Protein backbone atom coordinates (compact mmCIF):
# COMPACT_ATOMS: atom_id res chain seq x y z
CA MET A 1 103.67 85.42 158.28
CA ASN A 2 105.04 87.60 161.06
CA SER A 3 102.73 90.42 160.18
CA LYS A 4 99.78 88.05 160.76
CA ILE A 5 101.15 86.83 164.12
CA LYS A 6 101.74 90.41 165.13
CA ALA A 7 98.15 91.21 164.25
CA VAL A 8 97.08 89.11 167.28
CA SER A 9 97.56 91.23 170.69
CA LYS A 10 100.55 90.12 172.76
CA ILE A 11 98.04 89.00 175.51
CA ALA A 12 96.30 86.50 173.24
CA ARG A 13 99.54 85.46 171.61
CA ASN A 14 100.69 82.01 172.72
CA SER A 15 102.38 79.03 171.03
CA LEU A 16 98.90 77.46 170.28
CA GLN A 17 97.70 80.76 168.62
CA ILE A 18 101.01 81.10 166.67
CA ASP A 19 100.65 77.44 165.56
CA LEU A 20 97.07 78.03 164.63
CA ILE A 21 98.03 81.21 162.55
CA LYS A 22 100.83 79.28 160.84
CA SER A 23 98.61 76.25 159.88
CA LEU A 24 95.89 78.64 158.53
CA ILE A 25 98.55 80.30 156.41
CA MET A 26 99.76 77.04 155.15
CA GLU A 27 96.30 75.80 154.33
CA THR A 28 95.36 79.07 152.55
CA GLN A 29 98.57 78.54 150.24
CA ASN A 30 97.52 75.05 149.57
CA ILE A 31 93.80 76.21 148.82
CA LYS A 32 95.34 78.85 146.23
CA LYS A 33 97.30 76.15 144.68
CA ASP A 34 94.22 74.12 144.18
CA ILE A 35 92.12 76.87 142.90
CA GLU A 36 95.00 77.37 140.18
CA ARG A 37 95.07 73.92 139.32
CA TYR A 38 91.49 73.35 138.98
CA ASN A 39 90.84 76.41 137.25
CA GLY A 40 91.63 74.98 133.80
CA PHE A 41 88.82 72.42 134.67
CA ILE A 42 86.13 75.04 135.09
CA PHE A 43 86.28 76.71 131.60
CA LEU A 44 85.33 74.31 128.98
CA ASN A 45 86.85 76.34 126.21
CA PHE A 46 90.39 75.77 127.57
CA PHE A 47 90.08 72.04 128.07
CA ASN A 48 92.92 70.04 126.50
CA GLU A 49 92.68 66.67 124.83
CA GLU A 50 93.13 64.70 128.26
CA GLN A 51 90.56 66.78 130.05
CA VAL A 52 87.97 66.30 127.04
CA LEU A 53 88.33 62.70 127.29
CA LYS A 54 87.75 62.69 131.03
CA TYR A 55 84.59 64.71 130.58
CA GLU A 56 83.45 62.51 127.55
CA LYS A 57 83.84 59.40 129.85
CA PHE A 58 81.97 61.01 132.74
CA MET A 59 79.16 62.12 130.53
CA ASN A 60 78.89 58.78 128.72
CA LEU A 61 79.82 60.22 125.34
CA GLU A 62 81.66 58.08 122.85
CA PRO A 63 85.04 59.77 122.11
CA ASP A 64 84.99 60.71 118.50
CA LEU A 65 88.69 61.45 117.64
CA ASN A 66 87.70 62.35 114.07
CA LEU A 67 86.22 65.56 115.46
CA SER A 68 88.38 68.71 116.23
CA LEU A 69 89.08 69.35 119.64
CA GLN A 70 86.78 72.35 119.74
CA ASP A 71 84.00 70.21 118.15
CA ARG A 72 84.43 67.64 121.02
CA ARG A 73 84.29 70.58 123.52
CA ASP A 74 80.94 71.75 121.76
CA ARG A 75 79.66 68.28 122.16
CA ILE A 76 80.24 68.39 126.02
CA LEU A 77 78.67 71.79 126.12
CA TYR A 78 75.51 70.97 124.42
CA ARG A 79 75.06 68.00 126.70
CA LEU A 80 75.57 70.17 129.67
CA LEU A 81 72.96 72.78 128.18
CA SER A 82 70.47 69.93 127.16
CA LYS A 83 69.15 70.10 130.74
CA GLN A 84 67.19 73.39 129.92
CA ILE A 85 63.67 73.90 128.67
CA PHE A 86 63.58 73.84 124.90
CA SER A 87 62.11 77.22 123.76
CA PRO A 88 62.68 79.65 121.01
CA ALA A 89 64.65 81.86 123.36
CA ASN A 90 66.75 78.91 124.28
CA LEU A 91 67.28 77.86 120.76
CA LYS A 92 68.41 81.50 119.84
CA GLU A 93 70.82 81.26 122.75
CA GLN A 94 72.38 77.99 121.54
CA ALA A 95 72.62 79.31 117.99
CA ARG A 96 74.59 82.22 119.20
CA ILE A 97 76.93 79.73 121.17
CA PHE A 98 77.39 77.13 118.54
CA THR A 99 77.35 79.10 115.17
CA ASN A 100 78.17 82.65 116.30
CA GLY A 101 75.09 83.74 114.45
CA GLU A 102 71.48 84.99 115.05
CA ILE A 103 68.53 82.95 114.00
CA GLU A 104 64.82 83.63 113.46
CA ILE A 105 62.28 81.01 114.38
CA THR A 106 58.91 80.50 112.75
CA GLU A 107 56.78 77.95 114.74
CA VAL A 108 54.13 76.11 112.49
CA PHE A 109 51.87 74.91 115.23
CA ASN A 110 49.21 73.16 113.18
CA GLU A 111 51.77 70.96 111.31
CA TYR A 112 54.13 70.37 114.35
CA TYR A 113 57.38 71.96 113.11
CA PHE A 114 59.28 74.98 113.31
CA ILE A 115 61.71 76.86 110.87
CA ILE A 116 65.19 77.86 111.92
CA LYS A 117 66.42 80.90 109.58
CA PHE A 118 70.05 82.09 109.95
CA THR A 119 69.77 85.81 109.56
CA SER A 120 73.20 87.11 110.39
CA ILE A 121 75.42 84.43 108.44
CA TYR A 122 75.40 83.79 104.59
CA GLY A 123 75.81 80.01 103.60
CA VAL A 124 76.00 77.15 105.83
CA PRO A 125 77.19 78.29 109.38
CA PRO A 126 80.27 76.78 110.97
CA ASN A 127 79.74 74.04 113.65
CA LEU A 128 76.25 73.44 112.28
CA LYS A 129 76.59 69.64 112.96
CA ASN A 130 76.84 70.17 116.76
CA PHE A 131 74.01 72.88 116.48
CA ILE A 132 71.91 70.14 114.85
CA ASN A 133 72.92 67.47 117.36
CA PHE A 134 71.87 70.10 120.21
CA ILE A 135 68.45 70.33 118.42
CA GLU A 136 67.83 66.65 118.11
CA LEU A 137 68.80 65.87 121.68
CA ASN A 138 66.52 68.44 123.14
CA LYS A 139 63.60 69.11 120.78
CA PRO A 140 60.37 67.20 121.72
CA ALA A 141 60.06 63.95 119.80
CA HIS A 142 56.90 65.08 117.99
CA LEU A 143 58.38 68.26 116.49
CA GLY A 144 60.06 68.29 113.19
CA TYR A 145 62.27 71.35 111.85
CA LYS A 146 63.57 72.95 108.78
CA ILE A 147 66.75 75.00 108.51
CA VAL A 148 66.88 77.87 105.97
CA TYR A 149 70.35 79.49 105.04
CA SER A 150 70.66 82.79 103.56
CA TYR A 151 72.77 83.65 100.53
CA MET A 152 73.56 86.94 98.84
CA THR A 153 70.95 87.96 96.32
CA TRP A 154 71.56 89.65 93.00
CA ASP A 155 70.30 92.96 94.45
CA GLU A 156 72.87 92.78 97.35
CA PHE A 157 75.39 91.87 94.90
CA ASP A 158 74.82 94.65 92.84
CA ARG A 159 74.79 97.07 95.63
CA TYR A 160 78.56 96.53 96.07
CA ASN A 161 79.00 98.53 92.92
CA LYS A 162 82.11 96.33 91.81
CA THR A 163 82.99 95.30 88.35
CA TRP A 164 83.53 91.89 87.51
CA ASP A 165 87.14 92.43 87.18
CA SER A 166 87.21 93.95 90.75
CA TRP A 167 85.29 90.82 91.93
CA ASP A 168 87.85 88.74 90.26
CA SER A 169 90.78 90.47 91.90
CA LEU A 170 89.26 89.11 95.24
CA ASN A 171 89.92 85.63 94.23
CA LEU A 172 86.66 84.21 95.65
CA SER A 173 85.01 81.00 94.53
CA TRP A 174 81.48 81.16 93.74
CA GLU A 175 80.49 79.80 97.08
CA ASP A 176 82.48 82.53 98.87
CA ARG A 177 80.83 85.20 96.54
CA GLU A 178 77.39 84.02 97.67
CA LYS A 179 78.54 84.34 101.31
CA TYR A 180 80.76 87.79 100.83
CA LYS A 181 80.03 90.51 103.28
CA GLU A 182 82.14 93.88 103.62
């Protein structure tokens, strides 16, 4: 604090200036503490149970305690993101956020629906329920949609050049084999 006061020339330094500098330093310290305290409220992925409950109440979302904490955070996220225009680009971005996957969108204009095909994930992607909720909340009411999942084909299965014994040694269920990637 003395270094800040010494920065003011001796001519301008008086008791009012010193008091002003001291009060500014105290206020700066209080602001830094507030920033640290509210930092946890800025980043949705770090919300704890209490913060999620507050946001759900604020956003008029019915708290669903059967969902995991991450799923509840995602519900808040898709409600916040639902204010954007619904477009293929927006939908692709949301797929990356909700499912960590890439999608391909085919619009069937004359029949008023679109097809979402997961291209980077085998099987049903994680967090699909929240992604579907996002779609339902944001798509125009007159549009329908279909979701297409990818699974390993026999050709892909054969390309691994594994014997049945080596597949068995991996201890995978049939469903896990359909989704298998090296």
